[in-house]
Amino acid sequence: MFIFKESDCEERPELIVVPMVDVMLFLLAFFVLIAGSIIPGLSMKTNPPETVQKSSLKVKRKVVTVVIRRDGTIYYGKDRVDFDTLVRLFKSVKKQTPNISLVVDADKGAPVQSLVNVMDAAQKAGINSVGLLAKEKNGNSR
């Protein structure tokens, strides 16, 4: 009859952390780089107007963001659009999701006519909920 003993030459499993750290750093870099295109309004930098009014935004709808740059150009995502294209885009989004809100991220130096054009396009597409992005006086974006 054999008697089994624990021997000292038996290898114990080791946890190698370096490959896991490499994978986590890769994932972090991936999400940081892709976040600009996923999160609306972060892909283009604007200087929004300032406000003293605080708002607690509780969104229960799908939010569509339009960016108006200082020179008056209008962007939907990363694409530059004109009035007719914007109306078509709004109508197609409204058809897919009837309950949507529009957020306009306009630079404070942008022409008011561009803002009026975006609001006209939203009204023409049947979007009734329109908001303007502004930052608080202390610097936080709302």
C-alpha atoms as a PDB file:
ATOM      1  CA  MET A   1       0.000   0.000   0.000  1.00  0.00           C
ATOM      2  CA  PHE A   2       1.232   3.437  -0.945  1.00  0.00           C
ATOM      3  CA  ILE A   3       1.137   6.454   1.299  1.00  0.00           C
ATOM      4  CA  PHE A   4       0.967   9.803  -0.436  1.00  0.00           C
ATOM      5  CA  LYS A   5       2.812  12.665   1.197  1.00  0.00           C
ATOM      6  CA  GLU A   6       2.846  16.340   0.378  1.00  0.00           C
ATOM      7  CA  SER A   7       6.094  16.984  -1.254  1.00  0.00           C
ATOM      8  CA  ASP A   8       7.985  20.257  -1.321  1.00  0.00           C
ATOM      9  CA  CYS A   9       8.676  20.025  -5.028  1.00  0.00           C
ATOM     10  CA  GLU A  10       5.039  20.506  -5.947  1.00  0.00           C
ATOM     11  CA  GLU A  11       4.498  23.816  -7.785  1.00  0.00           C
ATOM     12  CA  ARG A  12       1.925  26.201  -6.458  1.00  0.00           C
ATOM     13  CA  PRO A  13      -0.097  28.270  -8.932  1.00  0.00           C
ATOM     14  CA  GLU A  14       0.936  31.896  -9.243  1.00  0.00           C
ATOM     15  CA  LEU A  15      -1.230  34.819 -10.138  1.00  0.00           C
ATOM     16  CA  ILE A  16       0.480  36.852 -12.834  1.00  0.00           C
ATOM     17  CA  VAL A  17      -0.858  40.397 -12.662  1.00  0.00           C
ATOM     18  CA  VAL A  18       1.093  42.107 -15.459  1.00  0.00           C
ATOM     19  CA  PRO A  19      -1.034  40.796 -18.384  1.00  0.00           C
ATOM     20  CA  MET A  20      -4.221  41.762 -16.543  1.00  0.00           C
ATOM     21  CA  VAL A  21      -2.887  45.288 -15.997  1.00  0.00           C
ATOM     22  CA  ASP A  22      -1.995  45.504 -19.703  1.00  0.00           C
ATOM     23  CA  VAL A  23      -5.522  44.521 -20.682  1.00  0.00           C
ATOM     24  CA  MET A  24      -7.053  47.041 -18.247  1.00  0.00           C
ATOM     25  CA  LEU A  25      -4.856  49.875 -19.556  1.00  0.00           C
ATOM     26  CA  PHE A  26      -5.810  48.980 -23.128  1.00  0.00           C
ATOM     27  CA  LEU A  27      -9.519  49.049 -22.199  1.00  0.00           C
ATOM     28  CA  LEU A  28      -9.102  52.372 -20.404  1.00  0.00           C
ATOM     29  CA  ALA A  29      -7.376  53.932 -23.417  1.00  0.00           C
ATOM     30  CA  PHE A  30     -10.028  52.514 -25.736  1.00  0.00           C
ATOM     31  CA  PHE A  31     -12.913  53.970 -23.721  1.00  0.00           C
ATOM     32  CA  VAL A  32     -11.242  57.353 -23.337  1.00  0.00           C
ATOM     33  CA  LEU A  33     -10.644  57.624 -27.075  1.00  0.00           C
ATOM     34  CA  ILE A  34     -14.114  56.432 -28.053  1.00  0.00           C
ATOM     35  CA  ALA A  35     -15.984  58.502 -25.434  1.00  0.00           C
ATOM     36  CA  GLY A  36     -15.804  61.633 -27.583  1.00  0.00           C
ATOM     37  CA  SER A  37     -17.825  60.061 -30.343  1.00  0.00           C
ATOM     38  CA  ILE A  38     -20.306  58.252 -28.110  1.00  0.00           C
ATOM     39  CA  ILE A  39     -21.247  61.011 -25.703  1.00  0.00           C
ATOM     40  CA  PRO A  40     -23.091  63.749 -27.569  1.00  0.00           C
ATOM     41  CA  GLY A  41     -21.639  67.221 -27.321  1.00  0.00           C
ATOM     42  CA  LEU A  42     -18.198  66.129 -26.141  1.00  0.00           C
ATOM     43  CA  SER A  43     -16.771  65.634 -29.588  1.00  0.00           C
ATOM     44  CA  MET A  44     -16.754  69.372 -30.366  1.00  0.00           C
ATOM     45  CA  LYS A  45     -15.646  72.019 -27.965  1.00  0.00           C
ATOM     46  CA  THR A  46     -17.820  75.100 -27.640  1.00  0.00           C
ATOM     47  CA  ASN A  47     -17.881  77.994 -25.249  1.00  0.00           C
ATOM     48  CA  PRO A  48     -21.512  77.937 -24.036  1.00  0.00           C
ATOM     49  CA  PRO A  49     -23.130  81.015 -22.509  1.00  0.00           C
ATOM     50  CA  GLU A  50     -23.158  81.405 -18.731  1.00  0.00           C
ATOM     51  CA  THR A  51     -26.185  81.353 -16.444  1.00  0.00           C
ATOM     52  CA  VAL A  52     -26.843  81.874 -12.749  1.00  0.00           C
ATOM     53  CA  GLN A  53     -29.883  79.610 -12.788  1.00  0.00           C
ATOM     54  CA  LYS A  54     -29.234  76.062 -11.651  1.00  0.00           C
ATOM     55  CA  SER A  55     -31.142  73.261 -13.280  1.00  0.00           C
ATOM     56  CA  SER A  56     -31.562  69.682 -12.265  1.00  0.00           C
ATOM     57  CA  LEU A  57     -31.880  67.888 -15.569  1.00  0.00           C
ATOM     58  CA  LYS A  58     -33.917  64.698 -15.299  1.00  0.00           C
ATOM     59  CA  VAL A  59     -34.124  63.236 -18.760  1.00  0.00           C
ATOM     60  CA  LYS A  60     -36.744  60.573 -19.412  1.00  0.00           C
ATOM     61  CA  ARG A  61     -36.522  60.889 -23.179  1.00  0.00           C
ATOM     62  CA  LYS A  62     -33.951  60.217 -25.836  1.00  0.00           C
ATOM     63  CA  VAL A  63     -31.740  63.281 -26.185  1.00  0.00           C
ATOM     64  CA  VAL A  64     -30.502  64.554 -29.549  1.00  0.00           C
ATOM     65  CA  THR A  65     -27.674  67.077 -29.442  1.00  0.00           C
ATOM     66  CA  VAL A  66     -26.907  69.691 -32.090  1.00  0.00           C
ATOM     67  CA  VAL A  67     -23.761  71.832 -31.932  1.00  0.00           C
ATOM     68  CA  ILE A  68     -23.595  75.399 -33.249  1.00  0.00           C
ATOM     69  CA  ARG A  69     -20.030  76.669 -33.628  1.00  0.00           C
ATOM     70  CA  ARG A  70     -18.891  80.272 -33.287  1.00  0.00           C
ATOM     71  CA  ASP A  71     -19.011  80.812 -37.063  1.00  0.00           C
ATOM     72  CA  GLY A  72     -22.660  79.660 -37.198  1.00  0.00           C
ATOM     73  CA  THR A  73     -22.075  76.218 -38.708  1.00  0.00           C
ATOM     74  CA  ILE A  74     -24.412  73.514 -37.441  1.00  0.00           C
ATOM     75  CA  TYR A  75     -23.236  69.990 -36.617  1.00  0.00           C
ATOM     76  CA  TYR A  76     -25.246  66.863 -35.927  1.00  0.00           C
ATOM     77  CA  GLY A  77     -22.755  64.462 -34.368  1.00  0.00           C
ATOM     78  CA  LYS A  78     -19.553  65.130 -36.287  1.00  0.00           C
ATOM     79  CA  ASP A  79     -21.312  65.929 -39.565  1.00  0.00           C
ATOM     80  CA  ARG A  80     -21.857  69.477 -40.767  1.00  0.00           C
ATOM     81  CA  VAL A  81     -25.491  69.868 -41.821  1.00  0.00           C
ATOM     82  CA  ASP A  82     -27.710  72.466 -43.450  1.00  0.00           C
ATOM     83  CA  PHE A  83     -31.341  73.274 -42.621  1.00  0.00           C
ATOM     84  CA  ASP A  84     -32.981  70.714 -44.939  1.00  0.00           C
ATOM     85  CA  THR A  85     -30.664  67.909 -43.838  1.00  0.00           C
ATOM     86  CA  LEU A  86     -31.310  68.780 -40.199  1.00  0.00           C
ATOM     87  CA  VAL A  87     -35.083  68.596 -40.730  1.00  0.00           C
ATOM     88  CA  ARG A  88     -34.707  65.178 -42.407  1.00  0.00           C
ATOM     89  CA  LEU A  89     -32.492  63.898 -39.581  1.00  0.00           C
ATOM     90  CA  PHE A  90     -34.904  65.171 -36.923  1.00  0.00           C
ATOM     91  CA  LYS A  91     -37.866  63.564 -38.692  1.00  0.00           C
ATOM     92  CA  SER A  92     -36.106  60.191 -38.979  1.00  0.00           C
ATOM     93  CA  VAL A  93     -35.116  60.244 -35.301  1.00  0.00           C
ATOM     94  CA  LYS A  94     -38.637  61.327 -34.331  1.00  0.00           C
ATOM     95  CA  LYS A  95     -40.087  58.463 -36.388  1.00  0.00           C
ATOM     96  CA  GLN A  96     -37.864  55.922 -34.582  1.00  0.00           C
ATOM     97  CA  THR A  97     -38.386  57.410 -31.109  1.00  0.00           C
ATOM     98  CA  PRO A  98     -41.433  59.705 -30.886  1.00  0.00           C
ATOM     99  CA  ASN A  99     -40.577  60.986 -27.400  1.00  0.00           C
ATOM    100  CA  ILE A 100     -37.296  62.903 -27.899  1.00  0.00           C
ATOM    101  CA  SER A 101     -35.699  66.077 -26.625  1.00  0.00           C
ATOM    102  CA  LEU A 102     -33.326  68.377 -28.463  1.00  0.00           C
ATOM    103  CA  VAL A 103     -30.334  69.933 -26.707  1.00  0.00           C
ATOM    104  CA  VAL A 104     -28.591  72.781 -28.514  1.00  0.00           C
ATOM    105  CA  ASP A 105     -24.931  73.259 -27.596  1.00  0.00           C
ATOM    106  CA  ALA A 106     -24.288  76.708 -29.044  1.00  0.00           C
ATOM    107  CA  ASP A 107     -21.161  78.767 -28.648  1.00  0.00           C
ATOM    108  CA  LYS A 108     -21.922  82.063 -26.947  1.00  0.00           C
ATOM    109  CA  GLY A 109     -20.463  83.897 -29.949  1.00  0.00           C
ATOM    110  CA  ALA A 110     -22.598  82.019 -32.476  1.00  0.00           C
ATOM    111  CA  PRO A 111     -25.093  84.014 -34.530  1.00  0.00           C
ATOM    112  CA  VAL A 112     -28.623  83.961 -33.158  1.00  0.00           C
ATOM    113  CA  GLN A 113     -29.929  83.154 -36.644  1.00  0.00           C
ATOM    114  CA  SER A 114     -28.255  79.729 -36.491  1.00  0.00           C
ATOM    115  CA  LEU A 115     -30.057  79.009 -33.220  1.00  0.00           C
ATOM    116  CA  VAL A 116     -33.338  80.119 -34.771  1.00  0.00           C
ATOM    117  CA  ASN A 117     -32.698  77.840 -37.765  1.00  0.00           C
ATOM    118  CA  VAL A 118     -32.136  74.828 -35.485  1.00  0.00           C
ATOM    119  CA  MET A 119     -35.297  75.621 -33.520  1.00  0.00           C
ATOM    120  CA  ASP A 120     -37.269  76.017 -36.782  1.00  0.00           C
ATOM    121  CA  ALA A 121     -35.981  72.632 -37.976  1.00  0.00           C
ATOM    122  CA  ALA A 122     -37.026  71.044 -34.681  1.00  0.00           C
ATOM    123  CA  GLN A 123     -40.485  72.597 -34.892  1.00  0.00           C
ATOM    124  CA  LYS A 124     -40.863  71.494 -38.511  1.00  0.00           C
ATOM    125  CA  ALA A 125     -39.944  67.923 -37.485  1.00  0.00           C
ATOM    126  CA  GLY A 126     -42.415  67.978 -34.596  1.00  0.00           C
ATOM    127  CA  ILE A 127     -39.902  68.135 -31.734  1.00  0.00           C
ATOM    128  CA  ASN A 128     -41.468  70.187 -28.950  1.00  0.00           C
ATOM    129  CA  SER A 129     -38.879  69.760 -26.212  1.00  0.00           C
ATOM    130  CA  VAL A 130     -35.849  71.988 -26.886  1.00  0.00           C
ATOM    131  CA  GLY A 131     -33.179  72.950 -24.372  1.00  0.00           C
ATOM    132  CA  LEU A 132     -30.055  75.084 -24.496  1.00  0.00           C
ATOM    133  CA  LEU A 133     -26.765  73.973 -23.001  1.00  0.00           C
ATOM    134  CA  ALA A 134     -25.228  76.590 -20.711  1.00  0.00           C
ATOM    135  CA  LYS A 135     -22.574  76.595 -18.042  1.00  0.00           C
ATOM    136  CA  GLU A 136     -23.015  77.908 -14.543  1.00  0.00           C
ATOM    137  CA  LYS A 137     -21.115  81.007 -13.519  1.00  0.00           C
ATOM    138  CA  ASN A 138     -18.703  78.845 -11.493  1.00  0.00           C
ATOM    139  CA  GLY A 139     -17.723  76.949 -14.674  1.00  0.00           C
ATOM    140  CA  ASN A 140     -19.771  73.732 -14.592  1.00  0.00           C
ATOM    141  CA  SER A 141     -21.568  72.768 -17.788  1.00  0.00           C
ATOM    142  CA  ARG A 142     -25.323  72.093 -17.556  1.00  0.00           C
END
